[in-house]
PDB file of N, CA and C in Angstrom:
ATOM      1  N   MET A   1     -16.713 -44.413 -13.288  1.00  0.00           N
ATOM      2  CA  MET A   1     -16.609 -43.250 -14.138  1.00  0.00           C
ATOM      3  C   MET A   1     -15.779 -42.222 -13.391  1.00  0.00           C
ATOM      4  N   ALA A   2     -14.949 -41.512 -14.072  1.00  0.00           N
ATOM      5  CA  ALA A   2     -14.136 -40.473 -13.453  1.00  0.00           C
ATOM      6  C   ALA A   2     -15.048 -39.363 -12.942  1.00  0.00           C
ATOM      7  N   LEU A   3     -14.529 -38.590 -12.024  1.00  0.00           N
ATOM      8  CA  LEU A   3     -15.299 -37.494 -11.448  1.00  0.00           C
ATOM      9  C   LEU A   3     -14.962 -36.182 -12.141  1.00  0.00           C
ATOM     10  N   MET A   4     -15.816 -35.205 -11.923  1.00  0.00           N
ATOM     11  CA  MET A   4     -15.573 -33.853 -12.396  1.00  0.00           C
ATOM     12  C   MET A   4     -16.004 -32.893 -11.289  1.00  0.00           C
ATOM     13  N   ILE A   5     -15.530 -31.673 -11.356  1.00  0.00           N
ATOM     14  CA  ILE A   5     -15.924 -30.645 -10.399  1.00  0.00           C
ATOM     15  C   ILE A   5     -16.840 -29.677 -11.140  1.00  0.00           C
ATOM     16  N   ASN A   6     -18.028 -29.492 -10.597  1.00  0.00           N
ATOM     17  CA  ASN A   6     -18.999 -28.635 -11.287  1.00  0.00           C
ATOM     18  C   ASN A   6     -18.849 -27.167 -10.852  1.00  0.00           C
ATOM     19  N   ASN A   7     -19.705 -26.322 -11.366  1.00  0.00           N
ATOM     20  CA  ASN A   7     -19.613 -24.884 -11.119  1.00  0.00           C
ATOM     21  C   ASN A   7     -20.007 -24.459  -9.709  1.00  0.00           C
ATOM     22  N   ASN A   8     -20.420 -25.387  -8.860  1.00  0.00           N
ATOM     23  CA  ASN A   8     -20.707 -25.052  -7.467  1.00  0.00           C
ATOM     24  C   ASN A   8     -19.424 -24.878  -6.653  1.00  0.00           C
ATOM     25  N   CYS A   9     -18.301 -25.220  -7.220  1.00  0.00           N
ATOM     26  CA  CYS A   9     -16.997 -25.150  -6.541  1.00  0.00           C
ATOM     27  C   CYS A   9     -16.710 -23.724  -6.077  1.00  0.00           C
ATOM     28  N   ILE A  10     -16.249 -23.612  -4.822  1.00  0.00           N
ATOM     29  CA  ILE A  10     -15.872 -22.309  -4.266  1.00  0.00           C
ATOM     30  C   ILE A  10     -14.353 -22.163  -4.167  1.00  0.00           C
ATOM     31  N   ALA A  11     -13.616 -23.084  -4.750  1.00  0.00           N
ATOM     32  CA  ALA A  11     -12.150 -23.056  -4.768  1.00  0.00           C
ATOM     33  C   ALA A  11     -11.567 -22.959  -3.366  1.00  0.00           C
ATOM     34  N   CYS A  12     -12.035 -23.825  -2.478  1.00  0.00           N
ATOM     35  CA  CYS A  12     -11.589 -23.782  -1.076  1.00  0.00           C
ATOM     36  C   CYS A  12     -10.265 -24.503  -0.851  1.00  0.00           C
ATOM     37  N   ASP A  13      -9.798 -25.290  -1.799  1.00  0.00           N
ATOM     38  CA  ASP A  13      -8.542 -26.053  -1.716  1.00  0.00           C
ATOM     39  C   ASP A  13      -8.647 -27.358  -0.931  1.00  0.00           C
ATOM     40  N   ALA A  14      -9.787 -27.699  -0.376  1.00  0.00           N
ATOM     41  CA  ALA A  14      -9.886 -28.914   0.441  1.00  0.00           C
ATOM     42  C   ALA A  14      -9.595 -30.177  -0.363  1.00  0.00           C
ATOM     43  N   CYS A  15      -9.978 -30.195  -1.614  1.00  0.00           N
ATOM     44  CA  CYS A  15      -9.835 -31.408  -2.421  1.00  0.00           C
ATOM     45  C   CYS A  15      -8.409 -31.660  -2.894  1.00  0.00           C
ATOM     46  N   LEU A  16      -7.636 -30.629  -3.079  1.00  0.00           N
ATOM     47  CA  LEU A  16      -6.286 -30.805  -3.645  1.00  0.00           C
ATOM     48  C   LEU A  16      -5.433 -31.794  -2.853  1.00  0.00           C
ATOM     49  N   PRO A  17      -5.226 -31.583  -1.554  1.00  0.00           N
ATOM     50  CA  PRO A  17      -4.385 -32.530  -0.815  1.00  0.00           C
ATOM     51  C   PRO A  17      -5.067 -33.874  -0.556  1.00  0.00           C
ATOM     52  N   ALA A  18      -6.376 -33.934  -0.705  1.00  0.00           N
ATOM     53  CA  ALA A  18      -7.108 -35.174  -0.441  1.00  0.00           C
ATOM     54  C   ALA A  18      -6.977 -36.199  -1.559  1.00  0.00           C
ATOM     55  N   CYS A  19      -6.653 -35.764  -2.755  1.00  0.00           N
ATOM     56  CA  CYS A  19      -6.601 -36.660  -3.905  1.00  0.00           C
ATOM     57  C   CYS A  19      -5.323 -37.502  -3.893  1.00  0.00           C
ATOM     58  N   PRO A  20      -5.456 -38.833  -3.817  1.00  0.00           N
ATOM     59  CA  PRO A  20      -4.262 -39.683  -3.808  1.00  0.00           C
ATOM     60  C   PRO A  20      -3.581 -39.800  -5.171  1.00  0.00           C
ATOM     61  N   ASN A  21      -4.238 -39.320  -6.212  1.00  0.00           N
ATOM     62  CA  ASN A  21      -3.714 -39.460  -7.566  1.00  0.00           C
ATOM     63  C   ASN A  21      -3.238 -38.154  -8.186  1.00  0.00           C
ATOM     64  N   GLN A  22      -3.294 -37.083  -7.443  1.00  0.00           N
ATOM     65  CA  GLN A  22      -2.930 -35.762  -7.962  1.00  0.00           C
ATOM     66  C   GLN A  22      -3.668 -35.481  -9.269  1.00  0.00           C
ATOM     67  N   ALA A  23      -4.966 -35.768  -9.246  1.00  0.00           N
ATOM     68  CA  ALA A  23      -5.799 -35.596 -10.433  1.00  0.00           C
ATOM     69  C   ALA A  23      -6.488 -34.238 -10.475  1.00  0.00           C
ATOM     70  N   ILE A  24      -6.397 -33.471  -9.393  1.00  0.00           N
ATOM     71  CA  ILE A  24      -7.126 -32.206  -9.303  1.00  0.00           C
ATOM     72  C   ILE A  24      -6.172 -31.040  -9.548  1.00  0.00           C
ATOM     73  N   PHE A  25      -6.659 -30.112 -10.351  1.00  0.00           N
ATOM     74  CA  PHE A  25      -5.881 -28.919 -10.686  1.00  0.00           C
ATOM     75  C   PHE A  25      -6.721 -27.680 -10.390  1.00  0.00           C
ATOM     76  N   GLU A  26      -6.049 -26.604 -10.014  1.00  0.00           N
ATOM     77  CA  GLU A  26      -6.751 -25.368  -9.711  1.00  0.00           C
ATOM     78  C   GLU A  26      -7.417 -24.766 -10.939  1.00  0.00           C
ATOM     79  N   LYS A  27      -6.820 -24.980 -12.087  1.00  0.00           N
ATOM     80  CA  LYS A  27      -7.357 -24.401 -13.325  1.00  0.00           C
ATOM     81  C   LYS A  27      -7.209 -25.396 -14.463  1.00  0.00           C
ATOM     82  N   ARG A  28      -8.116 -25.305 -15.381  1.00  0.00           N
ATOM     83  CA  ARG A  28      -8.056 -26.147 -16.582  1.00  0.00           C
ATOM     84  C   ARG A  28      -6.721 -25.960 -17.302  1.00  0.00           C
ATOM     85  N   SER A  29      -6.257 -24.724 -17.378  1.00  0.00           N
ATOM     86  CA  SER A  29      -5.009 -24.433 -18.081  1.00  0.00           C
ATOM     87  C   SER A  29      -3.818 -25.130 -17.416  1.00  0.00           C
ATOM     88  N   GLU A  30      -3.849 -25.303 -16.090  1.00  0.00           N
ATOM     89  CA  GLU A  30      -2.759 -26.006 -15.396  1.00  0.00           C
ATOM     90  C   GLU A  30      -2.746 -27.486 -15.764  1.00  0.00           C
ATOM     91  N   ALA A  31      -3.921 -28.091 -15.813  1.00  0.00           N
ATOM     92  CA  ALA A  31      -4.005 -29.502 -16.206  1.00  0.00           C
ATOM     93  C   ALA A  31      -3.487 -29.682 -17.624  1.00  0.00           C
ATOM     94  N   GLU A  32      -3.928 -28.821 -18.505  1.00  0.00           N
ATOM     95  CA  GLU A  32      -3.526 -28.938 -19.904  1.00  0.00           C
ATOM     96  C   GLU A  32      -2.042 -28.642 -20.089  1.00  0.00           C
ATOM     97  N   ALA A  33      -1.497 -27.726 -19.306  1.00  0.00           N
ATOM     98  CA  ALA A  33      -0.060 -27.449 -19.380  1.00  0.00           C
ATOM     99  C   ALA A  33       0.752 -28.651 -18.913  1.00  0.00           C
ATOM    100  N   SER A  34       0.163 -29.459 -18.030  1.00  0.00           N
ATOM    101  CA  SER A  34       0.816 -30.685 -17.563  1.00  0.00           C
ATOM    102  C   SER A  34       0.503 -31.868 -18.468  1.00  0.00           C
ATOM    103  N   ARG A  35      -0.190 -31.586 -19.573  1.00  0.00           N
ATOM    104  CA  ARG A  35      -0.565 -32.575 -20.585  1.00  0.00           C
ATOM    105  C   ARG A  35      -1.580 -33.605 -20.093  1.00  0.00           C
ATOM    106  N   PHE A  36      -2.460 -33.169 -19.184  1.00  0.00           N
ATOM    107  CA  PHE A  36      -3.562 -34.012 -18.737  1.00  0.00           C
ATOM    108  C   PHE A  36      -4.847 -33.461 -19.306  1.00  0.00           C
ATOM    109  N   HIS A  37      -5.690 -34.357 -19.785  1.00  0.00           N
ATOM    110  CA  HIS A  37      -6.953 -33.953 -20.382  1.00  0.00           C
ATOM    111  C   HIS A  37      -8.018 -33.754 -19.315  1.00  0.00           C
ATOM    112  N   VAL A  38      -8.895 -32.822 -19.589  1.00  0.00           N
ATOM    113  CA  VAL A  38     -10.037 -32.522 -18.738  1.00  0.00           C
ATOM    114  C   VAL A  38     -11.260 -32.567 -19.643  1.00  0.00           C
ATOM    115  N   SER A  39     -12.344 -33.158 -19.167  1.00  0.00           N
ATOM    116  CA  SER A  39     -13.529 -33.255 -20.017  1.00  0.00           C
ATOM    117  C   SER A  39     -14.079 -31.875 -20.344  1.00  0.00           C
ATOM    118  N   ALA A  40     -14.793 -31.807 -21.422  1.00  0.00           N
ATOM    119  CA  ALA A  40     -15.335 -30.541 -21.904  1.00  0.00           C
ATOM    120  C   ALA A  40     -16.352 -29.935 -20.948  1.00  0.00           C
ATOM    121  N   ALA A  41     -16.854 -30.711 -20.021  1.00  0.00           N
ATOM    122  CA  ALA A  41     -17.906 -30.234 -19.125  1.00  0.00           C
ATOM    123  C   ALA A  41     -17.398 -29.380 -17.961  1.00  0.00           C
ATOM    124  N   GLN A  42     -16.101 -29.240 -17.801  1.00  0.00           N
ATOM    125  CA  GLN A  42     -15.617 -28.543 -16.614  1.00  0.00           C
ATOM    126  C   GLN A  42     -14.496 -27.549 -16.892  1.00  0.00           C
ATOM    127  N   GLY A  43     -14.449 -26.525 -16.058  1.00  0.00           N
ATOM    128  CA  GLY A  43     -13.339 -25.599 -16.007  1.00  0.00           C
ATOM    129  C   GLY A  43     -13.182 -24.598 -17.121  1.00  0.00           C
ATOM    130  N   HIS A  44     -14.229 -24.274 -17.843  1.00  0.00           N
ATOM    131  CA  HIS A  44     -14.086 -23.338 -18.958  1.00  0.00           C
ATOM    132  C   HIS A  44     -13.786 -21.909 -18.509  1.00  0.00           C
ATOM    133  N   ASP A  45     -14.251 -21.538 -17.324  1.00  0.00           N
ATOM    134  CA  ASP A  45     -14.006 -20.170 -16.859  1.00  0.00           C
ATOM    135  C   ASP A  45     -12.619 -20.015 -16.239  1.00  0.00           C
ATOM    136  N   ASN A  46     -11.885 -21.130 -16.117  1.00  0.00           N
ATOM    137  CA  ASN A  46     -10.534 -21.151 -15.564  1.00  0.00           C
ATOM    138  C   ASN A  46     -10.479 -20.668 -14.115  1.00  0.00           C
ATOM    139  N   THR A  47     -11.628 -20.701 -13.412  1.00  0.00           N
ATOM    140  CA  THR A  47     -11.645 -20.376 -11.984  1.00  0.00           C
ATOM    141  C   THR A  47     -12.101 -21.564 -11.154  1.00  0.00           C
ATOM    142  N   THR A  48     -12.841 -22.487 -11.752  1.00  0.00           N
ATOM    143  CA  THR A  48     -13.320 -23.669 -11.050  1.00  0.00           C
ATOM    144  C   THR A  48     -12.263 -24.766 -11.143  1.00  0.00           C
ATOM    145  N   TYR A  49     -12.020 -25.450 -10.036  1.00  0.00           N
ATOM    146  CA  TYR A  49     -11.076 -26.556 -10.049  1.00  0.00           C
ATOM    147  C   TYR A  49     -11.544 -27.617 -11.040  1.00  0.00           C
ATOM    148  N   VAL A  50     -10.606 -28.425 -11.517  1.00  0.00           N
ATOM    149  CA  VAL A  50     -10.923 -29.477 -12.486  1.00  0.00           C
ATOM    150  C   VAL A  50     -10.254 -30.786 -12.077  1.00  0.00           C
ATOM    151  N   ILE A  51     -10.805 -31.872 -12.580  1.00  0.00           N
ATOM    152  CA  ILE A  51     -10.246 -33.202 -12.344  1.00  0.00           C
ATOM    153  C   ILE A  51      -9.885 -33.808 -13.692  1.00  0.00           C
ATOM    154  N   SER A  52      -8.650 -34.262 -13.812  1.00  0.00           N
ATOM    155  CA  SER A  52      -8.218 -34.936 -15.030  1.00  0.00           C
ATOM    156  C   SER A  52      -8.736 -36.369 -15.015  1.00  0.00           C
ATOM    157  N   HIS A  53      -9.490 -36.740 -16.038  1.00  0.00           N
ATOM    158  CA  HIS A  53     -10.008 -38.100 -16.105  1.00  0.00           C
ATOM    159  C   HIS A  53      -8.903 -39.121 -16.362  1.00  0.00           C
ATOM    160  N   GLU A  54      -7.745 -38.673 -16.773  1.00  0.00           N
ATOM    161  CA  GLU A  54      -6.621 -39.591 -16.969  1.00  0.00           C
ATOM    162  C   GLU A  54      -5.988 -40.022 -15.651  1.00  0.00           C
ATOM    163  N   ARG A  55      -6.256 -39.285 -14.585  1.00  0.00           N
ATOM    164  CA  ARG A  55      -5.673 -39.603 -13.283  1.00  0.00           C
ATOM    165  C   ARG A  55      -6.715 -39.974 -12.232  1.00  0.00           C
ATOM    166  N   CYS A  56      -7.966 -39.618 -12.465  1.00  0.00           N
ATOM    167  CA  CYS A  56      -9.011 -39.887 -11.480  1.00  0.00           C
ATOM    168  C   CYS A  56      -9.366 -41.365 -11.459  1.00  0.00           C
ATOM    169  N   THR A  57      -9.429 -41.930 -10.260  1.00  0.00           N
ATOM    170  CA  THR A  57      -9.849 -43.318 -10.081  1.00  0.00           C
ATOM    171  C   THR A  57     -11.024 -43.404  -9.111  1.00  0.00           C
ATOM    172  N   GLU A  58     -11.633 -42.274  -8.788  1.00  0.00           N
ATOM    173  CA  GLU A  58     -12.674 -42.208  -7.763  1.00  0.00           C
ATOM    174  C   GLU A  58     -12.145 -42.777  -6.453  1.00  0.00           C
ATOM    175  N   CYS A  59     -10.851 -42.750  -6.284  1.00  0.00           N
ATOM    176  CA  CYS A  59     -10.147 -43.277  -5.108  1.00  0.00           C
ATOM    177  C   CYS A  59     -10.267 -44.795  -4.969  1.00  0.00           C
ATOM    178  N   VAL A  60     -10.722 -45.461  -6.038  1.00  0.00           N
ATOM    179  CA  VAL A  60     -10.782 -46.920  -6.045  1.00  0.00           C
ATOM    180  C   VAL A  60      -9.377 -47.452  -5.782  1.00  0.00           C
ATOM    181  N   GLY A  61      -9.290 -48.433  -4.898  1.00  0.00           N
ATOM    182  CA  GLY A  61      -8.004 -49.007  -4.519  1.00  0.00           C
ATOM    183  C   GLY A  61      -7.372 -48.328  -3.325  1.00  0.00           C
ATOM    184  N   HIS A  62      -7.749 -47.079  -3.083  1.00  0.00           N
ATOM    185  CA  HIS A  62      -7.205 -46.321  -1.958  1.00  0.00           C
ATOM    186  C   HIS A  62      -8.200 -46.211  -0.808  1.00  0.00           C
ATOM    187  N   PHE A  63      -9.423 -45.813  -1.138  1.00  0.00           N
ATOM    188  CA  PHE A  63     -10.455 -45.534  -0.140  1.00  0.00           C
ATOM    189  C   PHE A  63     -11.793 -46.096  -0.612  1.00  0.00           C
ATOM    190  N   ASN A  64     -12.748 -46.172   0.288  1.00  0.00           N
ATOM    191  CA  ASN A  64     -14.076 -46.668  -0.061  1.00  0.00           C
ATOM    192  C   ASN A  64     -14.953 -45.615  -0.724  1.00  0.00           C
ATOM    193  N   GLU A  65     -14.539 -44.357  -0.690  1.00  0.00           N
ATOM    194  CA  GLU A  65     -15.298 -43.291  -1.337  1.00  0.00           C
ATOM    195  C   GLU A  65     -14.339 -42.231  -1.852  1.00  0.00           C
ATOM    196  N   PRO A  66     -14.741 -41.490  -2.861  1.00  0.00           N
ATOM    197  CA  PRO A  66     -13.879 -40.431  -3.394  1.00  0.00           C
ATOM    198  C   PRO A  66     -13.576 -39.379  -2.326  1.00  0.00           C
ATOM    199  N   GLN A  67     -12.320 -39.146  -2.111  1.00  0.00           N
ATOM    200  CA  GLN A  67     -11.912 -38.221  -1.055  1.00  0.00           C
ATOM    201  C   GLN A  67     -12.241 -36.772  -1.372  1.00  0.00           C
ATOM    202  N   CYS A  68     -12.221 -36.393  -2.648  1.00  0.00           N
ATOM    203  CA  CYS A  68     -12.565 -35.018  -3.002  1.00  0.00           C
ATOM    204  C   CYS A  68     -13.996 -34.717  -2.571  1.00  0.00           C
ATOM    205  N   ALA A  69     -14.891 -35.661  -2.815  1.00  0.00           N
ATOM    206  CA  ALA A  69     -16.295 -35.474  -2.441  1.00  0.00           C
ATOM    207  C   ALA A  69     -16.466 -35.500  -0.929  1.00  0.00           C
ATOM    208  N   SER A  70     -15.699 -36.332  -0.241  1.00  0.00           N
ATOM    209  CA  SER A  70     -15.879 -36.442   1.206  1.00  0.00           C
ATOM    210  C   SER A  70     -15.367 -35.222   1.964  1.00  0.00           C
ATOM    211  N   VAL A  71     -14.395 -34.501   1.415  1.00  0.00           N
ATOM    212  CA  VAL A  71     -13.878 -33.318   2.116  1.00  0.00           C
ATOM    213  C   VAL A  71     -14.504 -32.018   1.634  1.00  0.00           C
ATOM    214  N   CYS A  72     -15.306 -32.078   0.597  1.00  0.00           N
ATOM    215  CA  CYS A  72     -15.894 -30.868   0.008  1.00  0.00           C
ATOM    216  C   CYS A  72     -16.910 -30.239   0.962  1.00  0.00           C
ATOM    217  N   PRO A  73     -16.716 -28.977   1.338  1.00  0.00           N
ATOM    218  CA  PRO A  73     -17.665 -28.341   2.251  1.00  0.00           C
ATOM    219  C   PRO A  73     -19.010 -28.028   1.596  1.00  0.00           C
ATOM    220  N   ILE A  74     -19.053 -27.977   0.292  1.00  0.00           N
ATOM    221  CA  ILE A  74     -20.304 -27.723  -0.419  1.00  0.00           C
ATOM    222  C   ILE A  74     -21.111 -29.010  -0.526  1.00  0.00           C
ATOM    223  N   GLY A  75     -20.435 -30.104  -0.773  1.00  0.00           N
ATOM    224  CA  GLY A  75     -21.067 -31.409  -0.766  1.00  0.00           C
ATOM    225  C   GLY A  75     -21.522 -31.946  -2.105  1.00  0.00           C
ATOM    226  N   ASP A  76     -21.721 -31.093  -3.083  1.00  0.00           N
ATOM    227  CA  ASP A  76     -22.182 -31.608  -4.371  1.00  0.00           C
ATOM    228  C   ASP A  76     -21.353 -31.076  -5.536  1.00  0.00           C
ATOM    229  N   CYS A  77     -20.089 -30.816  -5.292  1.00  0.00           N
ATOM    230  CA  CYS A  77     -19.202 -30.298  -6.352  1.00  0.00           C
ATOM    231  C   CYS A  77     -18.523 -31.408  -7.136  1.00  0.00           C
ATOM    232  N   CYS A  78     -18.146 -32.468  -6.475  1.00  0.00           N
ATOM    233  CA  CYS A  78     -17.424 -33.563  -7.114  1.00  0.00           C
ATOM    234  C   CYS A  78     -18.428 -34.643  -7.483  1.00  0.00           C
ATOM    235  N   VAL A  79     -18.716 -34.724  -8.764  1.00  0.00           N
ATOM    236  CA  VAL A  79     -19.781 -35.594  -9.254  1.00  0.00           C
ATOM    237  C   VAL A  79     -19.263 -36.449 -10.412  1.00  0.00           C
ATOM    238  N   PRO A  80     -19.938 -37.551 -10.719  1.00  0.00           N
ATOM    239  CA  PRO A  80     -19.519 -38.363 -11.861  1.00  0.00           C
ATOM    240  C   PRO A  80     -19.547 -37.550 -13.155  1.00  0.00           C
ATOM    241  N   ASP A  81     -18.546 -37.764 -13.968  1.00  0.00           N
ATOM    242  CA  ASP A  81     -18.441 -37.070 -15.250  1.00  0.00           C
ATOM    243  C   ASP A  81     -19.068 -37.947 -16.325  1.00  0.00           C
ATOM    244  N   PRO A  82     -20.231 -37.562 -16.845  1.00  0.00           N
ATOM    245  CA  PRO A  82     -20.894 -38.409 -17.833  1.00  0.00           C
ATOM    246  C   PRO A  82     -20.103 -38.585 -19.128  1.00  0.00           C
ATOM    247  N   ALA A  83     -19.129 -37.732 -19.359  1.00  0.00           N
ATOM    248  CA  ALA A  83     -18.303 -37.848 -20.557  1.00  0.00           C
ATOM    249  C   ALA A  83     -17.240 -38.938 -20.414  1.00  0.00           C
ATOM    250  N   CYS A  84     -17.060 -39.454 -19.209  1.00  0.00           N
ATOM    251  CA  CYS A  84     -15.993 -40.437 -18.965  1.00  0.00           C
ATOM    252  C   CYS A  84     -16.521 -41.668 -18.236  1.00  0.00           C
ATOM    253  N   PRO A  85     -17.423 -42.421 -18.841  1.00  0.00           N
ATOM    254  CA  PRO A  85     -17.934 -43.624 -18.178  1.00  0.00           C
ATOM    255  C   PRO A  85     -16.870 -44.713 -18.128  1.00  0.00           C
ATOM    256  N   GLU A  86     -16.641 -45.248 -16.933  1.00  0.00           N
ATOM    257  CA  GLU A  86     -15.649 -46.313 -16.756  1.00  0.00           C
ATOM    258  C   GLU A  86     -16.122 -47.253 -15.663  1.00  0.00           C
ATOM    259  N   SER A  87     -15.747 -48.489 -15.761  1.00  0.00           N
ATOM    260  CA  SER A  87     -16.098 -49.470 -14.744  1.00  0.00           C
ATOM    261  C   SER A  87     -15.150 -49.338 -13.556  1.00  0.00           C
ATOM    262  N   LYS A  88     -15.557 -49.894 -12.435  1.00  0.00           N
ATOM    263  CA  LYS A  88     -14.682 -49.891 -11.261  1.00  0.00           C
ATOM    264  C   LYS A  88     -13.414 -50.690 -11.538  1.00  0.00           C
ATOM    265  N   ASP A  89     -13.519 -51.730 -12.350  1.00  0.00           N
ATOM    266  CA  ASP A  89     -12.335 -52.510 -12.723  1.00  0.00           C
ATOM    267  C   ASP A  89     -11.348 -51.647 -13.500  1.00  0.00           C
ATOM    268  N   ALA A  90     -11.848 -50.827 -14.413  1.00  0.00           N
ATOM    269  CA  ALA A  90     -10.969 -49.935 -15.181  1.00  0.00           C
ATOM    270  C   ALA A  90     -10.329 -48.894 -14.262  1.00  0.00           C
ATOM    271  N   LEU A  91     -11.099 -48.400 -13.302  1.00  0.00           N
ATOM    272  CA  LEU A  91     -10.551 -47.423 -12.351  1.00  0.00           C
ATOM    273  C   LEU A  91      -9.471 -48.053 -11.472  1.00  0.00           C
ATOM    274  N   LEU A  92      -9.697 -49.297 -11.034  1.00  0.00           N
ATOM    275  CA  LEU A  92      -8.697 -49.994 -10.226  1.00  0.00           C
ATOM    276  C   LEU A  92      -7.431 -50.239 -11.039  1.00  0.00           C
ATOM    277  N   GLU A  93      -7.580 -50.612 -12.287  1.00  0.00           N
ATOM    278  CA  GLU A  93      -6.412 -50.824 -13.156  1.00  0.00           C
ATOM    279  C   GLU A  93      -5.623 -49.526 -13.327  1.00  0.00           C
ATOM    280  N   ARG A  94      -6.325 -48.403 -13.483  1.00  0.00           N
ATOM    281  CA  ARG A  94      -5.645 -47.112 -13.584  1.00  0.00           C
ATOM    282  C   ARG A  94      -4.895 -46.800 -12.289  1.00  0.00           C
ATOM    283  N   ALA A  95      -5.527 -47.049 -11.158  1.00  0.00           N
ATOM    284  CA  ALA A  95      -4.870 -46.802  -9.870  1.00  0.00           C
ATOM    285  C   ALA A  95      -3.601 -47.642  -9.748  1.00  0.00           C
ATOM    286  N   ARG A  96      -3.663 -48.869 -10.170  1.00  0.00           N
ATOM    287  CA  ARG A  96      -2.479 -49.746 -10.114  1.00  0.00           C
ATOM    288  C   ARG A  96      -1.387 -49.249 -11.051  1.00  0.00           C
ATOM    289  N   ARG A  97      -1.782 -48.716 -12.200  1.00  0.00           N
ATOM    290  CA  ARG A  97      -0.801 -48.169 -13.144  1.00  0.00           C
ATOM    291  C   ARG A  97      -0.163 -46.892 -12.583  1.00  0.00           C
ATOM    292  N   LEU A  98      -0.967 -46.057 -11.925  1.00  0.00           N
ATOM    293  CA  LEU A  98      -0.450 -44.815 -11.351  1.00  0.00           C
ATOM    294  C   LEU A  98       0.429 -45.048 -10.127  1.00  0.00           C
ATOM    295  N   HIS A  99       0.162 -46.148  -9.416  1.00  0.00           N
ATOM    296  CA  HIS A  99       0.874 -46.445  -8.167  1.00  0.00           C
ATOM    297  C   HIS A  99       1.398 -47.887  -8.197  1.00  0.00           C
ATOM    298  N   PRO A 100       2.365 -48.180  -9.056  1.00  0.00           N
ATOM    299  CA  PRO A 100       2.819 -49.565  -9.224  1.00  0.00           C
ATOM    300  C   PRO A 100       3.461 -50.176  -7.984  1.00  0.00           C
ATOM    301  N   HIS A 101       3.889 -49.366  -7.042  1.00  0.00           N
ATOM    302  CA  HIS A 101       4.568 -49.897  -5.859  1.00  0.00           C
ATOM    303  C   HIS A 101       3.631 -50.057  -4.663  1.00  0.00           C
ATOM    304  N   LYS A 102       2.353 -49.748  -4.851  1.00  0.00           N
ATOM    305  CA  LYS A 102       1.373 -49.891  -3.777  1.00  0.00           C
ATOM    306  C   LYS A 102       0.501 -51.105  -4.036  1.00  0.00           C
ATOM    307  N   GLU A 103       0.072 -51.749  -2.955  1.00  0.00           N
ATOM    308  CA  GLU A 103      -0.887 -52.835  -3.094  1.00  0.00           C
ATOM    309  C   GLU A 103      -2.280 -52.231  -2.971  1.00  0.00           C
ATOM    310  N   LEU A 104      -2.981 -52.142  -4.074  1.00  0.00           N
ATOM    311  CA  LEU A 104      -4.304 -51.532  -4.121  1.00  0.00           C
ATOM    312  C   LEU A 104      -5.355 -52.617  -4.294  1.00  0.00           C
ATOM    313  N   ARG A 105      -6.441 -52.496  -3.537  1.00  0.00           N
ATOM    314  CA  ARG A 105      -7.483 -53.501  -3.578  1.00  0.00           C
ATOM    315  C   ARG A 105      -8.849 -52.870  -3.781  1.00  0.00           C
ATOM    316  N   PRO A 106      -9.783 -53.646  -4.347  1.00  0.00           N
ATOM    317  CA  PRO A 106     -11.145 -53.135  -4.478  1.00  0.00           C
ATOM    318  C   PRO A 106     -11.751 -52.843  -3.113  1.00  0.00           C
ATOM    319  N   ALA A 107     -12.669 -51.919  -3.067  1.00  0.00           N
ATOM    320  CA  ALA A 107     -13.354 -51.575  -1.824  1.00  0.00           C
ATOM    321  C   ALA A 107     -14.210 -52.745  -1.366  1.00  0.00           C
ATOM    322  N   VAL A 108     -14.455 -52.794  -0.081  1.00  0.00           N
ATOM    323  CA  VAL A 108     -15.326 -53.825   0.492  1.00  0.00           C
ATOM    324  C   VAL A 108     -16.737 -53.634  -0.075  1.00  0.00           C
ATOM    325  N   GLY A 109     -17.394 -54.712  -0.433  1.00  0.00           N
ATOM    326  CA  GLY A 109     -18.750 -54.649  -0.941  1.00  0.00           C
ATOM    327  C   GLY A 109     -18.866 -54.334  -2.413  1.00  0.00           C
ATOM    328  N   TRP A 110     -17.783 -54.494  -3.136  1.00  0.00           N
ATOM    329  CA  TRP A 110     -17.776 -54.214  -4.578  1.00  0.00           C
ATOM    330  C   TRP A 110     -18.661 -55.122  -5.317  1.00  0.00           C
TER     331      TRP A 110
END
């Protein structure tokens, strides 16, 4: 399932460079201006960072864990988005589509 950033976000910027898919935006309006959808559960105040479910792969194919969550100093801001349930296979396929020139593999222990 794609991730979302909840209202605990302090907008520290740690997650932006950590995302291999450029799925994180500073504001909902920025994602939408780039024509990426954001689930209804996040970013309504336009101050909390958001994750586009069209680009989020939970870092499947790149890393063993979502990098946004691993670098977050708060620790519980980047959480599964219940509005976007997806299998790990679907996330891996999205990662391959986003990065056609990279060899992406499932995480160990899948």
